[in-house]
Amino acid sequence: MRRWHDHNCEGRDSTEIDRRSDVKNRTWCANDGTRPRNASNLFAYRTISARAFASAGGISSTADDSFPVSQPNEAGNNALPIDGPPPIAELPRVLKGPAQFWKALTIISFAIMLAPTVCSASDAISLDQLVAEAWARNPEATVYRAEIAAAKGERRTAGEWQNPEVTTDGGAKVVRDYHGNTLGEGVTWTFSATQTFEYPGRVSLRKAIANHQIALAEVGLEGFRAALAARVRAAAFRAALGRAKADAASEVAKRFDGLASVLSRRPAAGIAPQLEARIIEASAISLKRRPLEAQREMQSAIYELNQLRGARIDSPLALADVDLKLQSLPSIATLLWTARERNYDIRTRTVELEQQGFKVKLALNERWPAVRVGPFAHDERAETNEYQFGIGVTLPLPLWNRNAGKIDSETARAAKVEAELTALVREVERKVADAEFVYRSRREEAENLETTILPQMREAAEGADRSYRDGAVPLATYTELQKQYLDTIDAFTAAQAAAIEARQQLEQLTATRLDTEEQR
């Protein structure tokens, strides 16, 4: 064995190797096994092989040379056994020759380029970030914002006065006596201007109707935002459930694959072991469909999330860990009261009913006509010069049309909206009670499976695997336990999915977050 020495390896019988001054103090004593101090953990030195380093430094080595790439230091990290970390700038001097130089440069370049990619791929997006991104990039929100802008324009129109009207007349005037003799000739003209004044209270009623139209548009935008957030959360929950289901199914499938691999390497001791091995292989193939189906469900949810957040459908999406714990709900009375107060459909119908009441009042107000008032001036010039000035008033007489038809129509619409509101409240209450029952029952089922049955089945499946390998359990019992374990996982995830779906429905009906304790 050749040993390398410098001034740190004192009193050892070996020929010292003369090296360059810049690497003189970086030596290693191969035979005494002493670890160097201040071992480097640089990326470039972990990548370059030790023998390439030795050959680049001009040190000849034989097949007997023991030069390990890395050794664990006192902190437990792998590092090159070099006393003192050489900086990256010394790589061109350590790696002599064009090939080694460009190799080191390529490695460092790839490390710099791949570092942001690795960091970005490892960044997981939280549920709230997904909701915010979907809301910021969803194009349908523009429709609701446009409706709000249109309603505000109607509000401005409702408060504006009508433009005044100006009337002018002009002509010639000829005055004759009874015998046809012309007494005088001249011109005549008339000028008048009128302004329409609505009946008192009419403009205020129109403004109130327009304000309720703005409120309807704002409630629609708020409801759409809540529905979009609920849809994003539902897709994220489906992806998390699919991932958990795929992990559990993959565990059982790998267990079958490992057992089939072990049995295939054993010498066949008869027809029975061969048949058992074939059964295990067939079961492993059939069980591989379950993780694939779960992965398909997860990927489908990710595709939906990509579309909702305005990204490419095949964009990679790393989801943060989603809390699938099923929290307890408020009482049914609290949920019903919250739904009556905050449900978006009920709020919409309530605003429509209030708006319809103002429309009925407006129809009653329109029985009385508007008044037009304005000045006028008249001049006639013939044998004499005559001037007329004054103020004119125009008032339609409400004799034949008392607006009875419109009053009846608006009153009927108000009764219709009131009946629809009553029916809607009953329907919402029924849906709240039904969703609360589904959530409570499925939550109890999931908790029972998670706390008692699922751990027992997992332990039984693992024990059956060990016992079958020892020959203590027959094949039928082993395969049946593994399948029952997967069926238990399916039942647990189905209960979780049903409970989460019921909770999402309750959130939509009550317009309240129910998945966390803090946001209730």
Protein backbone atom coordinates (compact mmCIF):
# COMPACT_ATOMS: atom_id res chain seq x y z
CA MET A 1 0.00 0.00 0.00
CA ARG A 2 1.19 3.49 -0.76
CA ARG A 3 0.69 6.13 1.89
CA TRP A 4 0.71 9.87 1.24
CA HIS A 5 2.43 12.13 3.75
CA ASP A 6 3.21 15.70 4.49
CA HIS A 7 4.22 17.56 7.61
CA ASN A 8 1.05 16.29 9.37
CA CYS A 9 2.07 12.60 8.95
CA GLU A 10 5.10 12.53 11.16
CA GLY A 11 7.19 9.50 12.08
CA ARG A 12 5.84 7.19 9.38
CA ASP A 13 8.15 5.14 7.16
CA SER A 14 7.25 5.99 3.62
CA THR A 15 8.54 7.97 0.72
CA GLU A 16 7.10 11.44 0.61
CA ILE A 17 5.55 12.51 -2.62
CA ASP A 18 6.41 15.93 -3.86
CA ARG A 19 3.39 17.76 -5.00
CA ARG A 20 2.48 21.31 -5.94
CA SER A 21 2.48 23.90 -3.19
CA ASP A 22 -1.21 24.70 -3.62
CA VAL A 23 -2.25 21.15 -2.71
CA LYS A 24 0.72 20.39 -0.49
CA ASN A 25 -1.19 20.50 2.78
CA ARG A 26 -4.19 18.53 1.47
CA THR A 27 -3.01 14.98 2.13
CA TRP A 28 -4.48 11.81 3.37
CA CYS A 29 -2.99 8.97 5.33
CA ALA A 30 -4.64 5.89 3.90
CA ASN A 31 -3.28 3.28 6.26
CA ASP A 32 -3.86 4.89 9.64
CA GLY A 33 -7.54 5.67 8.89
CA THR A 34 -7.33 9.11 10.51
CA ARG A 35 -10.07 11.48 9.40
CA PRO A 36 -8.92 14.90 8.30
CA ARG A 37 -10.22 18.00 9.99
CA ASN A 38 -12.49 20.55 8.32
CA ALA A 39 -13.65 18.07 5.67
CA SER A 40 -15.22 19.66 2.60
CA ASN A 41 -18.80 19.00 1.63
CA LEU A 42 -18.76 20.89 -1.64
CA PHE A 43 -20.99 19.77 -4.49
CA ALA A 44 -18.20 19.74 -7.08
CA TYR A 45 -15.90 17.56 -4.98
CA ARG A 46 -18.72 15.13 -4.26
CA THR A 47 -19.31 14.77 -7.99
CA ILE A 48 -15.75 14.33 -9.25
CA SER A 49 -14.34 10.88 -8.73
CA ALA A 50 -11.37 10.39 -6.46
CA ARG A 51 -9.26 8.67 -9.05
CA ALA A 52 -9.75 11.48 -11.54
CA PHE A 53 -8.60 13.86 -8.83
CA ALA A 54 -5.50 11.79 -8.15
CA SER A 55 -4.58 11.49 -11.81
CA ALA A 56 -5.15 15.21 -12.38
CA GLY A 57 -2.80 16.04 -9.52
CA GLY A 58 0.03 14.13 -11.12
CA ILE A 59 -0.01 11.33 -8.49
CA SER A 60 0.51 7.84 -9.77
CA SER A 61 -1.51 5.12 -8.13
CA THR A 62 -1.67 1.38 -8.45
CA ALA A 63 -4.52 -1.03 -8.25
CA ASP A 64 -3.82 -1.51 -4.55
CA ASP A 65 -4.36 2.14 -3.71
CA SER A 66 -7.33 2.64 -1.46
CA PHE A 67 -8.80 6.08 -2.12
CA PRO A 68 -12.42 6.30 -1.02
CA VAL A 69 -14.63 9.00 -2.48
CA SER A 70 -16.16 10.09 0.81
CA GLN A 71 -16.15 9.22 4.44
CA PRO A 72 -18.63 10.13 7.12
CA ASN A 73 -17.27 12.83 9.37
CA GLU A 74 -18.11 13.54 12.97
CA ALA A 75 -21.41 15.21 11.99
CA GLY A 76 -22.49 12.21 9.97
CA ASN A 77 -22.13 13.89 6.58
CA ASN A 78 -20.30 12.47 3.62
CA ALA A 79 -17.31 14.58 2.66
CA LEU A 80 -14.10 14.17 0.76
CA PRO A 81 -11.21 13.37 3.12
CA ILE A 82 -9.30 16.54 2.38
CA ASP A 83 -7.90 18.75 5.10
CA GLY A 84 -9.43 22.14 4.40
CA PRO A 85 -12.14 22.95 1.84
CA PRO A 86 -10.62 24.12 -1.45
CA PRO A 87 -12.69 26.85 -3.06
CA ILE A 88 -14.51 26.34 -6.33
CA ALA A 89 -12.07 28.72 -8.01
CA GLU A 90 -9.25 26.17 -7.50
CA LEU A 91 -10.96 23.50 -9.58
CA PRO A 92 -9.18 24.51 -12.82
CA ARG A 93 -5.83 24.20 -11.05
CA VAL A 94 -6.67 20.91 -9.36
CA LEU A 95 -8.15 19.34 -12.49
CA LYS A 96 -5.32 19.71 -14.95
CA GLY A 97 -5.93 19.42 -18.62
CA PRO A 98 -8.67 20.76 -20.92
CA ALA A 99 -10.95 17.74 -20.46
CA GLN A 100 -10.99 17.97 -16.69
CA PHE A 101 -11.47 21.72 -16.79
CA TRP A 102 -14.48 21.59 -19.08
CA LYS A 103 -15.87 18.66 -17.13
CA ALA A 104 -15.78 20.65 -13.90
CA LEU A 105 -17.22 23.71 -15.64
CA THR A 106 -20.08 21.64 -17.06
CA ILE A 107 -20.87 20.16 -13.66
CA ILE A 108 -20.98 23.56 -12.00
CA SER A 109 -23.12 25.00 -14.81
CA PHE A 110 -25.63 22.18 -14.55
CA ALA A 111 -25.77 22.61 -10.80
CA ILE A 112 -26.50 26.32 -11.15
CA MET A 113 -29.18 25.76 -13.78
CA LEU A 114 -30.90 22.88 -12.02
CA ALA A 115 -30.94 24.46 -8.57
CA PRO A 116 -33.90 26.82 -9.26
CA THR A 117 -35.78 24.00 -10.97
CA VAL A 118 -35.36 21.67 -8.04
CA CYS A 119 -36.35 24.37 -5.59
CA SER A 120 -39.42 25.37 -7.60
CA ALA A 121 -40.52 21.78 -8.05
CA SER A 122 -40.34 21.19 -4.33
CA ASP A 123 -42.48 24.24 -3.51
CA ALA A 124 -45.97 23.05 -2.63
CA ILE A 125 -49.04 25.24 -3.12
CA SER A 126 -51.36 25.56 -0.17
CA LEU A 127 -55.13 25.41 -0.41
CA ASP A 128 -55.60 29.14 0.21
CA GLN A 129 -53.03 29.96 -2.48
CA LEU A 130 -54.92 27.78 -4.96
CA VAL A 131 -58.18 29.58 -4.17
CA ALA A 132 -56.55 33.01 -4.54
CA GLU A 133 -54.89 32.04 -7.81
CA ALA A 134 -58.13 30.63 -9.23
CA TRP A 135 -60.01 33.80 -8.30
CA ALA A 136 -57.36 36.07 -9.80
CA ARG A 137 -57.26 34.22 -13.13
CA ASN A 138 -60.86 33.13 -13.62
CA PRO A 139 -62.44 34.91 -16.62
CA GLU A 140 -66.05 34.42 -15.47
CA ALA A 141 -65.57 36.98 -12.72
CA THR A 142 -65.44 39.65 -15.43
CA VAL A 143 -69.07 38.88 -16.29
CA TYR A 144 -70.22 39.62 -12.75
CA ARG A 145 -68.09 42.75 -12.54
CA ALA A 146 -69.64 43.94 -15.81
CA GLU A 147 -73.11 43.36 -14.34
CA ILE A 148 -72.19 45.49 -11.34
CA ALA A 149 -70.92 48.25 -13.63
CA ALA A 150 -74.13 48.08 -15.70
CA ALA A 151 -76.27 48.30 -12.55
CA LYS A 152 -74.33 51.34 -11.39
CA GLY A 153 -74.95 52.93 -14.78
CA GLU A 154 -78.69 52.31 -14.34
CA ARG A 155 -78.46 53.91 -10.91
CA ARG A 156 -76.96 57.04 -12.45
CA THR A 157 -79.65 57.09 -15.13
CA ALA A 158 -82.41 56.76 -12.53
CA GLY A 159 -81.23 59.87 -10.71
CA GLU A 160 -80.82 62.10 -13.74
CA TRP A 161 -83.31 64.79 -14.72
CA GLN A 162 -84.98 64.79 -18.09
CA ASN A 163 -83.56 67.22 -20.59
CA PRO A 164 -85.54 70.44 -21.12
CA GLU A 165 -87.50 70.91 -24.34
CA VAL A 166 -87.26 74.01 -26.50
CA THR A 167 -89.92 74.94 -29.08
CA THR A 168 -89.72 77.78 -31.65
CA ASP A 169 -92.27 78.92 -34.24
CA GLY A 170 -91.84 81.59 -36.92
CA GLY A 171 -93.83 82.93 -39.85
CA ALA A 172 -95.44 85.94 -41.63
CA LYS A 173 -98.50 87.93 -40.56
CA VAL A 174 -100.84 89.84 -42.93
CA VAL A 175 -103.68 92.03 -41.59
CA ARG A 176 -106.68 92.86 -43.92
CA ASP A 177 -110.03 94.51 -43.36
CA TYR A 178 -113.40 93.11 -44.32
CA HIS A 179 -113.04 94.50 -47.81
CA GLY A 180 -109.73 92.78 -48.44
CA ASN A 181 -107.63 95.80 -48.08
CA THR A 182 -104.20 95.13 -46.59
CA LEU A 183 -103.75 96.98 -43.40
CA GLY A 184 -100.28 95.75 -42.56
CA GLU A 185 -97.70 93.03 -43.00
CA GLY A 186 -94.99 91.66 -40.70
CA VAL A 187 -93.45 88.65 -39.00
CA THR A 188 -94.46 86.54 -36.04
CA TRP A 189 -92.46 84.19 -33.83
CA THR A 190 -92.88 82.13 -30.70
CA PHE A 191 -90.26 80.69 -28.35
CA SER A 192 -90.93 78.38 -25.41
CA ALA A 193 -88.91 76.09 -23.10
CA THR A 194 -90.26 73.42 -20.75
CA GLN A 195 -88.76 71.28 -18.00
CA THR A 196 -90.40 68.05 -16.83
CA PHE A 197 -90.87 67.62 -13.11
CA GLU A 198 -91.66 64.12 -11.86
CA TYR A 199 -94.28 63.48 -9.26
CA PRO A 200 -92.78 63.66 -5.76
CA GLY A 201 -91.12 60.41 -4.66
CA ARG A 202 -90.82 58.90 -8.14
CA VAL A 203 -87.10 59.57 -8.60
CA SER A 204 -86.35 58.19 -5.14
CA LEU A 205 -88.22 55.00 -5.97
CA ARG A 206 -86.29 54.57 -9.19
CA LYS A 207 -83.02 55.07 -7.30
CA ALA A 208 -84.05 52.46 -4.74
CA ILE A 209 -84.81 49.96 -7.51
CA ALA A 210 -81.43 50.65 -9.14
CA ASN A 211 -79.64 50.28 -5.79
CA HIS A 212 -81.24 46.88 -5.29
CA GLN A 213 -80.11 45.91 -8.78
CA ILE A 214 -76.54 46.76 -7.74
CA ALA A 215 -77.00 44.68 -4.59
CA LEU A 216 -78.21 41.74 -6.70
CA ALA A 217 -75.12 41.96 -8.91
CA GLU A 218 -72.82 42.14 -5.88
CA VAL A 219 -74.49 39.14 -4.24
CA GLY A 220 -74.08 37.26 -7.51
CA LEU A 221 -70.36 38.07 -7.60
CA GLU A 222 -69.95 37.06 -3.96
CA GLY A 223 -71.80 33.80 -4.55
CA PHE A 224 -69.71 33.02 -7.60
CA ARG A 225 -66.52 33.62 -5.64
CA ALA A 226 -67.70 31.30 -2.86
CA ALA A 227 -68.73 28.64 -5.39
CA LEU A 228 -65.35 28.89 -7.13
CA ALA A 229 -63.49 28.54 -3.82
CA ALA A 230 -65.65 25.55 -2.89
CA ARG A 231 -64.94 23.94 -6.25
CA VAL A 232 -61.19 24.44 -5.82
CA ARG A 233 -61.25 23.00 -2.31
CA ALA A 234 -63.34 20.03 -3.46
CA ALA A 235 -60.84 19.24 -6.23
CA ALA A 236 -57.93 19.55 -3.78
CA PHE A 237 -59.67 17.21 -1.34
CA ARG A 238 -60.27 14.70 -4.14
CA ALA A 239 -56.60 14.86 -5.08
CA ALA A 240 -55.54 14.32 -1.46
CA LEU A 241 -57.92 11.38 -1.05
CA GLY A 242 -56.70 9.87 -4.30
CA ARG A 243 -53.09 10.22 -3.19
CA ALA A 244 -53.78 8.54 0.17
CA LYS A 245 -55.71 5.77 -1.53
CA ALA A 246 -52.95 5.26 -4.11
CA ASP A 247 -50.28 5.06 -1.39
CA ALA A 248 -52.18 2.39 0.53
CA ALA A 249 -52.94 0.36 -2.59
CA SER A 250 -49.33 0.64 -3.75
CA GLU A 251 -48.17 -0.70 -0.39
CA VAL A 252 -50.25 -3.86 -0.78
CA ALA A 253 -49.30 -4.24 -4.45
CA LYS A 254 -45.59 -3.97 -3.57
CA ARG A 255 -46.12 -6.57 -0.87
CA PHE A 256 -47.50 -8.99 -3.44
CA ASP A 257 -44.72 -8.15 -5.88
CA GLY A 258 -42.06 -8.79 -3.26
CA LEU A 259 -43.64 -12.08 -2.27
CA ALA A 260 -43.92 -13.16 -5.90
CA SER A 261 -40.27 -12.28 -6.43
CA VAL A 262 -39.24 -14.35 -3.41
CA LEU A 263 -41.31 -17.33 -4.50
CA SER A 264 -39.92 -17.19 -8.03
CA ARG A 265 -36.36 -17.55 -6.69
CA ARG A 266 -37.19 -20.55 -4.53
CA PRO A 267 -36.78 -24.02 -6.01
CA ALA A 268 -40.14 -25.62 -6.75
CA ALA A 269 -40.88 -28.50 -4.39
CA GLY A 270 -43.94 -29.74 -6.22
CA ILE A 271 -46.99 -28.61 -8.11
CA ALA A 272 -48.65 -26.90 -5.10
CA PRO A 273 -45.90 -24.30 -4.53
CA GLN A 274 -45.86 -23.55 -8.26
CA LEU A 275 -49.62 -22.98 -8.28
CA GLU A 276 -49.38 -20.75 -5.22
CA ALA A 277 -46.68 -18.69 -6.90
CA ARG A 278 -48.90 -18.26 -9.97
CA ILE A 279 -51.82 -17.20 -7.78
CA ILE A 280 -49.63 -14.63 -6.04
CA GLU A 281 -48.42 -13.27 -9.39
CA ALA A 282 -51.97 -13.04 -10.73
CA SER A 283 -53.16 -11.31 -7.55
CA ALA A 284 -50.28 -8.83 -7.81
CA ILE A 285 -51.27 -8.00 -11.38
CA SER A 286 -54.93 -7.49 -10.47
CA LEU A 287 -54.07 -5.38 -7.42
CA LYS A 288 -51.95 -3.01 -9.50
CA ARG A 289 -55.16 -1.65 -11.02
CA ARG A 290 -56.19 -0.08 -7.73
CA PRO A 291 -53.27 2.33 -7.37
CA LEU A 292 -53.62 3.20 -11.05
CA GLU A 293 -57.29 4.05 -10.58
CA ALA A 294 -56.49 6.12 -7.50
CA GLN A 295 -53.74 7.94 -9.38
CA ARG A 296 -56.18 8.60 -12.22
CA GLU A 297 -58.63 10.17 -9.76
CA MET A 298 -55.84 12.28 -8.29
CA GLN A 299 -54.61 13.36 -11.74
CA SER A 300 -58.14 14.22 -12.84
CA ALA A 301 -58.48 16.50 -9.82
CA ILE A 302 -55.13 18.12 -10.64
CA TYR A 303 -56.28 18.73 -14.23
CA GLU A 304 -59.38 20.46 -12.90
CA LEU A 305 -57.28 22.56 -10.53
CA ASN A 306 -55.00 23.61 -13.38
CA GLN A 307 -57.98 24.75 -15.41
CA LEU A 308 -59.50 26.61 -12.48
CA ARG A 309 -56.27 28.48 -11.77
CA GLY A 310 -55.73 29.38 -15.43
CA ALA A 311 -52.67 27.20 -16.01
CA ARG A 312 -51.95 24.64 -18.70
CA ILE A 313 -53.84 21.45 -18.09
CA ASP A 314 -50.65 19.37 -18.04
CA SER A 315 -48.73 21.74 -15.76
CA PRO A 316 -47.10 20.04 -12.76
CA LEU A 317 -48.84 20.91 -9.52
CA ALA A 318 -47.39 20.08 -6.11
CA LEU A 319 -50.11 20.25 -3.49
CA ALA A 320 -49.32 20.88 0.12
CA ASP A 321 -50.58 18.44 2.70
CA VAL A 322 -54.35 18.88 2.93
CA ASP A 323 -55.96 18.42 6.31
CA LEU A 324 -58.52 15.65 5.80
CA LYS A 325 -59.60 15.62 9.43
CA LEU A 326 -63.36 15.80 9.76
CA GLN A 327 -64.16 18.49 12.31
CA SER A 328 -67.33 18.54 14.35
CA LEU A 329 -70.14 20.77 13.08
CA PRO A 330 -72.28 23.31 14.92
CA SER A 331 -75.75 22.28 15.97
CA ILE A 332 -78.47 21.83 13.38
CA ALA A 333 -80.34 24.87 14.73
CA THR A 334 -77.24 27.04 14.26
CA LEU A 335 -76.75 25.74 10.73
CA LEU A 336 -80.38 26.43 9.81
CA TRP A 337 -80.24 29.96 11.20
CA THR A 338 -76.97 30.65 9.40
CA ALA A 339 -78.41 29.34 6.13
CA ARG A 340 -81.48 31.57 6.40
CA GLU A 341 -79.29 34.59 7.05
CA ARG A 342 -76.34 34.02 4.71
CA ASN A 343 -77.40 31.68 1.92
CA TYR A 344 -76.71 33.38 -1.41
CA ASP A 345 -79.89 32.17 -3.11
CA ILE A 346 -82.03 33.29 -0.17
CA ARG A 347 -80.28 36.64 -0.08
CA THR A 348 -80.86 37.04 -3.82
CA ARG A 349 -84.57 36.27 -3.51
CA THR A 350 -84.85 38.60 -0.51
CA VAL A 351 -83.31 41.48 -2.43
CA GLU A 352 -85.57 40.71 -5.40
CA LEU A 353 -88.62 40.79 -3.12
CA GLU A 354 -87.57 44.14 -1.68
CA GLN A 355 -86.93 45.45 -5.18
CA GLN A 356 -90.33 44.23 -6.34
CA GLY A 357 -91.95 46.09 -3.46
CA PHE A 358 -90.38 49.31 -4.70
CA LYS A 359 -91.62 48.51 -8.21
CA VAL A 360 -95.18 48.20 -6.87
CA LYS A 361 -94.82 51.56 -5.14
CA LEU A 362 -93.47 53.06 -8.35
CA ALA A 363 -96.43 51.73 -10.30
CA LEU A 364 -98.79 53.33 -7.78
CA ASN A 365 -96.85 56.59 -8.01
CA GLU A 366 -97.07 56.61 -11.79
CA ARG A 367 -100.85 57.03 -11.60
CA TRP A 368 -100.11 60.72 -11.31
CA PRO A 369 -98.52 62.27 -14.37
CA ALA A 370 -95.41 64.39 -14.60
CA VAL A 371 -95.73 68.16 -14.99
CA ARG A 372 -93.99 70.25 -17.63
CA VAL A 373 -93.34 73.88 -16.76
CA GLY A 374 -91.50 76.55 -18.73
CA PRO A 375 -91.46 80.14 -20.02
CA PHE A 376 -92.63 81.33 -23.41
CA ALA A 377 -92.36 84.50 -25.53
CA HIS A 378 -94.47 85.60 -28.52
CA ASP A 379 -94.13 88.55 -30.91
CA GLU A 380 -96.37 89.74 -33.78
CA ARG A 381 -95.49 92.66 -36.04
CA ALA A 382 -97.96 93.93 -38.61
CA GLU A 383 -99.85 97.20 -38.30
CA THR A 384 -98.99 97.00 -34.62
CA ASN A 385 -96.19 95.43 -32.57
CA GLU A 386 -97.55 92.94 -30.02
CA TYR A 387 -95.45 91.10 -27.38
CA GLN A 388 -96.58 88.22 -25.10
CA PHE A 389 -94.57 86.75 -22.20
CA GLY A 390 -95.51 84.15 -19.61
CA ILE A 391 -95.07 80.71 -18.06
CA GLY A 392 -96.76 77.63 -19.43
CA VAL A 393 -97.77 74.46 -17.56
CA THR A 394 -98.57 71.12 -19.22
CA LEU A 395 -100.42 68.56 -17.11
CA PRO A 396 -101.99 65.37 -18.52
CA LEU A 397 -105.34 64.62 -16.93
CA PRO A 398 -105.49 61.08 -15.45
CA LEU A 399 -109.02 60.36 -16.61
CA TRP A 400 -108.80 57.18 -18.70
CA ASN A 401 -105.42 55.69 -17.79
CA ARG A 402 -104.79 55.27 -14.06
CA ASN A 403 -101.91 52.75 -14.61
CA ALA A 404 -104.07 49.94 -13.24
CA GLY A 405 -102.60 47.30 -15.55
CA LYS A 406 -99.01 47.89 -14.46
CA ILE A 407 -100.03 48.00 -10.81
CA ASP A 408 -101.66 44.58 -11.11
CA SER A 409 -98.64 43.15 -12.95
CA GLU A 410 -96.11 44.37 -10.39
CA THR A 411 -98.28 43.19 -7.49
CA ALA A 412 -98.54 39.73 -9.03
CA ARG A 413 -94.77 39.59 -9.56
CA ALA A 414 -94.23 40.54 -5.92
CA ALA A 415 -96.52 37.72 -4.80
CA LYS A 416 -94.63 35.32 -7.07
CA VAL A 417 -91.23 36.33 -5.68
CA GLU A 418 -92.54 36.00 -2.12
CA ALA A 419 -93.83 32.50 -2.82
CA GLU A 420 -90.53 31.53 -4.44
CA LEU A 421 -88.65 32.84 -1.41
CA THR A 422 -90.78 30.78 0.95
CA ALA A 423 -90.27 27.64 -1.13
CA LEU A 424 -86.54 28.33 -1.40
CA VAL A 425 -86.15 28.71 2.37
CA ARG A 426 -87.85 25.36 2.89
CA GLU A 427 -85.67 23.70 0.26
CA VAL A 428 -82.49 25.13 1.77
CA GLU A 429 -83.52 23.97 5.24
CA ARG A 430 -84.18 20.48 3.90
CA LYS A 431 -80.79 20.37 2.15
CA VAL A 432 -79.02 21.62 5.27
CA ALA A 433 -80.65 18.97 7.45
CA ASP A 434 -79.90 16.24 4.91
CA ALA A 435 -76.26 17.30 4.44
CA GLU A 436 -75.77 17.57 8.20
CA PHE A 437 -77.10 14.04 8.68
CA VAL A 438 -74.89 12.66 5.90
CA TYR A 439 -71.82 14.39 7.29
CA ARG A 440 -72.46 13.26 10.85
CA SER A 441 -73.11 9.63 9.90
CA ARG A 442 -70.22 9.38 7.46
CA ARG A 443 -67.91 11.11 9.93
CA GLU A 444 -68.78 8.55 12.59
CA GLU A 445 -68.20 5.77 10.08
CA ALA A 446 -64.80 7.18 9.05
CA GLU A 447 -63.72 7.68 12.66
CA ASN A 448 -64.76 4.13 13.55
CA LEU A 449 -62.81 2.74 10.60
CA GLU A 450 -59.77 4.89 11.32
CA THR A 451 -59.54 4.19 15.04
CA THR A 452 -60.49 0.51 15.27
CA ILE A 453 -61.07 -1.49 12.10
CA LEU A 454 -58.40 -0.02 9.83
CA PRO A 455 -55.47 -0.48 12.27
CA GLN A 456 -56.63 -4.01 13.01
CA MET A 457 -56.85 -4.87 9.32
CA ARG A 458 -53.45 -3.28 8.65
CA GLU A 459 -51.88 -5.28 11.46
CA ALA A 460 -53.61 -8.44 10.28
CA ALA A 461 -52.43 -7.92 6.69
CA GLU A 462 -48.83 -7.36 7.80
CA GLY A 463 -48.98 -10.35 10.14
CA ALA A 464 -50.44 -12.53 7.41
CA ASP A 465 -47.59 -11.53 5.12
CA ARG A 466 -45.00 -12.57 7.69
CA SER A 467 -46.88 -15.73 8.62
CA TYR A 468 -47.32 -16.80 5.02
CA ARG A 469 -43.61 -16.40 4.37
CA ASP A 470 -43.02 -18.67 7.39
CA GLY A 471 -45.59 -21.18 6.15
CA ALA A 472 -48.02 -20.67 9.06
CA VAL A 473 -50.91 -19.24 7.02
CA PRO A 474 -52.47 -20.77 3.89
CA LEU A 475 -52.57 -18.87 0.63
CA ALA A 476 -56.35 -18.34 0.68
CA THR A 477 -56.21 -16.64 4.08
CA TYR A 478 -53.28 -14.46 3.02
CA THR A 479 -54.86 -13.20 -0.21
CA GLU A 480 -58.27 -12.71 1.40
CA LEU A 481 -56.75 -10.62 4.21
CA GLN A 482 -54.89 -8.40 1.75
CA LYS A 483 -58.02 -7.84 -0.33
CA GLN A 484 -60.14 -7.17 2.75
CA TYR A 485 -57.55 -4.66 3.90
CA LEU A 486 -57.84 -2.85 0.57
CA ASP A 487 -61.65 -3.00 0.79
CA THR A 488 -61.43 -1.44 4.25
CA ILE A 489 -59.26 1.35 2.86
CA ASP A 490 -61.78 1.88 0.06
CA ALA A 491 -64.60 2.06 2.60
CA PHE A 492 -62.64 4.55 4.70
CA THR A 493 -61.82 6.82 1.76
CA ALA A 494 -65.41 6.56 0.50
CA ALA A 495 -66.69 7.64 3.92
CA GLN A 496 -64.21 10.50 3.97
CA ALA A 497 -65.17 11.58 0.46
CA ALA A 498 -68.90 11.49 1.26
CA ALA A 499 -68.38 13.45 4.47
CA ILE A 500 -66.23 16.06 2.71
CA GLU A 501 -68.81 16.39 -0.07
CA ALA A 502 -71.58 16.89 2.51
CA ARG A 503 -69.45 19.47 4.29
CA GLN A 504 -68.83 21.31 1.02
CA GLN A 505 -72.59 21.36 0.41
CA LEU A 506 -73.14 22.75 3.90
CA GLU A 507 -70.54 25.44 3.24
CA GLN A 508 -72.38 26.42 0.08
CA LEU A 509 -75.76 26.45 1.83
CA THR A 510 -74.57 28.39 4.87
CA ALA A 511 -71.88 30.52 3.16
CA THR A 512 -69.52 29.59 6.00
CA ARG A 513 -66.19 27.75 6.17
CA LEU A 514 -66.60 24.55 8.17
CA ASP A 515 -63.33 22.72 7.48
CA THR A 516 -61.37 24.49 10.23
CA GLU A 517 -62.19 25.45 13.78
CA GLU A 518 -60.80 28.97 13.45
CA GLN A 519 -62.92 29.97 10.45
CA ARG A 520 -66.33 28.98 11.78
